[in-house]
Amino acid sequence: MTNLQRMLDLVEETFYERNDAGGQITVNEEERAQLLAISPHGLSEYDDGNGPAIWLLLIPTTTELMDSFIDGHINEVSLLLNTPIGASYDALYLCSAITLPEYRHKGLTMKLALDAVNNICQTHPIQSLFYWPFSDDGKKLAERIATSLSLPLMVRIA
């Protein structure tokens, strides 16, 4: 099985329950275009030469939209589609990190994330990070990113 197929299977397995709730980003063509218009650093990938081994999704946005998302007033798709293009973003949604099992716990996902966040921070005054926990590893990664960058980390509970 190719890395690409394994990554797609892992995405399905990891986010299946969240998809049932509706409103989750699926990275379709419209969402991908919006992500890239917001920041070229929002989508990152580590390819080991055999296809993708890590996918990372970050969304720079505004504190107002972050607060609405954290409070459960808007979903992920609304967060993405309502983020204004070309604005000055002060919040960063740590949306997802998918890593093939054999690449976990090696620091590669953290490095990819820090590189992407630092690139975003070069052009946007990011003041806070936020996430929606789905796994213990995801929670730990978000906490490590926030600690490394000395930024507050907000969490959506439901």
Protein backbone atom coordinates (compact mmCIF):
# COMPACT_ATOMS: atom_id res chain seq x y z
CA MET A 1 0.00 0.00 0.00
CA THR A 2 1.34 3.45 -0.90
CA ASN A 3 2.02 6.18 1.65
CA LEU A 4 -0.75 8.23 0.05
CA GLN A 5 -3.34 5.49 0.51
CA ARG A 6 -2.16 4.88 4.09
CA MET A 7 -2.46 8.62 4.84
CA LEU A 8 -5.98 8.75 3.39
CA ASP A 9 -6.96 5.70 5.46
CA LEU A 10 -5.48 7.32 8.58
CA VAL A 11 -7.42 10.54 7.96
CA GLU A 12 -10.64 8.55 7.64
CA GLU A 13 -9.91 6.51 10.76
CA THR A 14 -8.86 9.52 12.86
CA PHE A 15 -11.63 11.93 11.95
CA TYR A 16 -14.55 9.62 11.16
CA GLU A 17 -16.54 10.48 14.29
CA ARG A 18 -15.99 14.20 13.85
CA ASN A 19 -17.19 14.02 10.25
CA ASP A 20 -20.50 12.63 11.47
CA ALA A 21 -21.10 15.84 13.40
CA GLY A 22 -20.83 17.89 10.19
CA GLY A 23 -18.98 21.11 9.58
CA GLN A 24 -15.50 19.62 9.59
CA ILE A 25 -12.96 20.65 6.98
CA THR A 26 -12.42 17.94 4.39
CA VAL A 27 -9.87 19.85 2.28
CA ASN A 28 -11.99 19.75 -0.86
CA GLU A 29 -11.09 22.05 -3.79
CA GLU A 30 -12.95 25.09 -2.40
CA GLU A 31 -11.45 24.66 1.09
CA ARG A 32 -7.96 24.07 -0.31
CA ALA A 33 -8.20 27.26 -2.38
CA GLN A 34 -9.34 29.22 0.68
CA LEU A 35 -6.54 27.75 2.82
CA LEU A 36 -3.90 28.70 0.27
CA ALA A 37 -5.40 32.20 -0.17
CA ILE A 38 -5.20 32.73 3.60
CA SER A 39 -1.59 31.51 3.79
CA PRO A 40 0.65 29.38 1.62
CA HIS A 41 2.00 27.89 4.89
CA GLY A 42 -1.36 26.55 6.07
CA LEU A 43 -0.86 23.22 4.31
CA SER A 44 2.41 21.41 4.92
CA GLU A 45 3.65 17.96 4.00
CA TYR A 46 6.63 15.78 4.76
CA ASP A 47 7.39 13.36 1.93
CA ASP A 48 9.90 10.60 2.60
CA GLY A 49 10.44 9.99 -1.12
CA ASN A 50 7.64 7.40 -1.19
CA GLY A 51 4.78 9.85 -0.84
CA PRO A 52 3.40 11.82 2.10
CA ALA A 53 4.29 10.67 5.61
CA ILE A 54 2.99 13.76 7.48
CA TRP A 55 0.23 16.21 6.64
CA LEU A 56 -0.26 19.39 8.65
CA LEU A 57 -3.14 21.86 8.46
CA LEU A 58 -3.03 25.30 10.14
CA ILE A 59 -5.45 28.19 9.72
CA PRO A 60 -4.39 31.74 10.55
CA THR A 61 -7.50 33.73 11.48
CA THR A 62 -8.82 36.47 13.76
CA THR A 63 -9.34 36.39 17.51
CA GLU A 64 -13.05 37.09 16.96
CA LEU A 65 -13.45 33.97 14.80
CA MET A 66 -11.30 31.95 17.21
CA ASP A 67 -13.59 32.90 20.09
CA SER A 68 -16.70 31.97 18.08
CA PHE A 69 -15.17 28.60 17.23
CA ILE A 70 -14.01 27.84 20.77
CA ASP A 71 -17.46 28.75 22.12
CA GLY A 72 -19.09 26.37 19.61
CA HIS A 73 -20.95 29.09 17.69
CA ILE A 74 -19.27 28.19 14.39
CA ASN A 75 -17.80 24.98 12.97
CA GLU A 76 -14.48 24.40 11.19
CA VAL A 77 -15.84 25.10 7.72
CA SER A 78 -17.34 28.39 8.91
CA LEU A 79 -14.06 29.30 10.60
CA LEU A 80 -12.21 28.69 7.34
CA LEU A 81 -14.69 30.30 4.95
CA ASN A 82 -15.27 33.36 7.16
CA THR A 83 -11.58 34.10 7.64
CA PRO A 84 -11.04 37.22 5.55
CA ILE A 85 -8.41 36.98 2.81
CA GLY A 86 -5.57 39.46 3.19
CA ALA A 87 -6.37 40.41 6.77
CA SER A 88 -3.90 40.67 9.61
CA TYR A 89 -4.33 37.42 11.52
CA ASP A 90 -3.68 37.29 15.26
CA ALA A 91 -4.84 33.73 16.05
CA LEU A 92 -3.77 30.39 14.65
CA TYR A 93 -5.90 27.25 14.54
CA LEU A 94 -3.82 24.09 14.91
CA CYS A 95 -6.32 22.15 12.84
CA SER A 96 -4.74 18.76 12.22
CA ALA A 97 -1.55 16.77 12.00
CA ILE A 98 -1.63 13.31 10.46
CA THR A 99 1.53 11.22 10.78
CA LEU A 100 2.16 7.68 9.63
CA PRO A 101 2.93 5.45 12.65
CA GLU A 102 6.56 4.81 11.78
CA TYR A 103 7.26 8.59 11.73
CA ARG A 104 5.71 9.37 15.12
CA HIS A 105 7.77 10.31 18.18
CA LYS A 106 10.76 11.35 16.06
CA GLY A 107 10.24 15.12 16.20
CA LEU A 108 9.35 15.38 12.50
CA THR A 109 5.77 16.55 13.02
CA MET A 110 6.89 19.10 15.61
CA LYS A 111 9.59 20.42 13.25
CA LEU A 112 7.13 20.67 10.36
CA ALA A 113 4.64 22.47 12.62
CA LEU A 114 7.19 24.93 14.03
CA ASP A 115 8.51 25.72 10.55
CA ALA A 116 4.98 26.43 9.30
CA VAL A 117 4.00 28.48 12.36
CA ASN A 118 7.22 30.50 12.22
CA ASN A 119 6.63 31.22 8.51
CA ILE A 120 3.09 32.40 9.29
CA CYS A 121 4.36 34.54 12.19
CA GLN A 122 6.75 36.37 9.83
CA THR A 123 3.79 38.10 8.19
CA HIS A 124 1.07 37.93 10.86
CA PRO A 125 1.10 39.04 14.53
CA ILE A 126 -0.08 35.72 15.97
CA GLN A 127 -0.99 36.23 19.64
CA SER A 128 -2.67 32.92 20.46
CA LEU A 129 -3.08 29.35 19.29
CA PHE A 130 -6.18 27.16 19.49
CA TYR A 131 -7.15 23.59 18.76
CA TRP A 132 -9.89 20.99 18.99
CA PRO A 133 -8.45 17.87 20.64
CA PHE A 134 -8.95 14.52 18.98
CA SER A 135 -6.18 12.41 20.38
CA ASP A 136 -3.71 12.47 23.22
CA ASP A 137 -0.89 12.84 20.71
CA GLY A 138 -2.65 15.81 19.10
CA LYS A 139 -3.17 17.45 22.47
CA LYS A 140 0.49 16.92 23.39
CA LEU A 141 1.65 18.33 20.06
CA ALA A 142 -0.51 21.46 20.47
CA GLU A 143 0.81 21.96 24.01
CA ARG A 144 4.43 21.50 22.87
CA ILE A 145 3.97 24.00 20.03
CA ALA A 146 2.42 26.58 22.38
CA THR A 147 5.15 26.08 24.98
CA SER A 148 7.89 26.30 22.37
CA LEU A 149 6.48 29.57 21.01
CA SER A 150 5.46 30.99 24.42
CA LEU A 151 1.92 31.57 23.15
CA PRO A 152 -1.35 30.92 25.00
CA LEU A 153 -3.26 27.85 23.88
CA MET A 154 -7.06 27.84 23.80
CA VAL A 155 -9.11 24.69 23.42
CA ARG A 156 -12.54 23.87 22.02
CA ILE A 157 -14.17 21.33 24.31
CA ALA A 158 -17.24 20.19 22.36
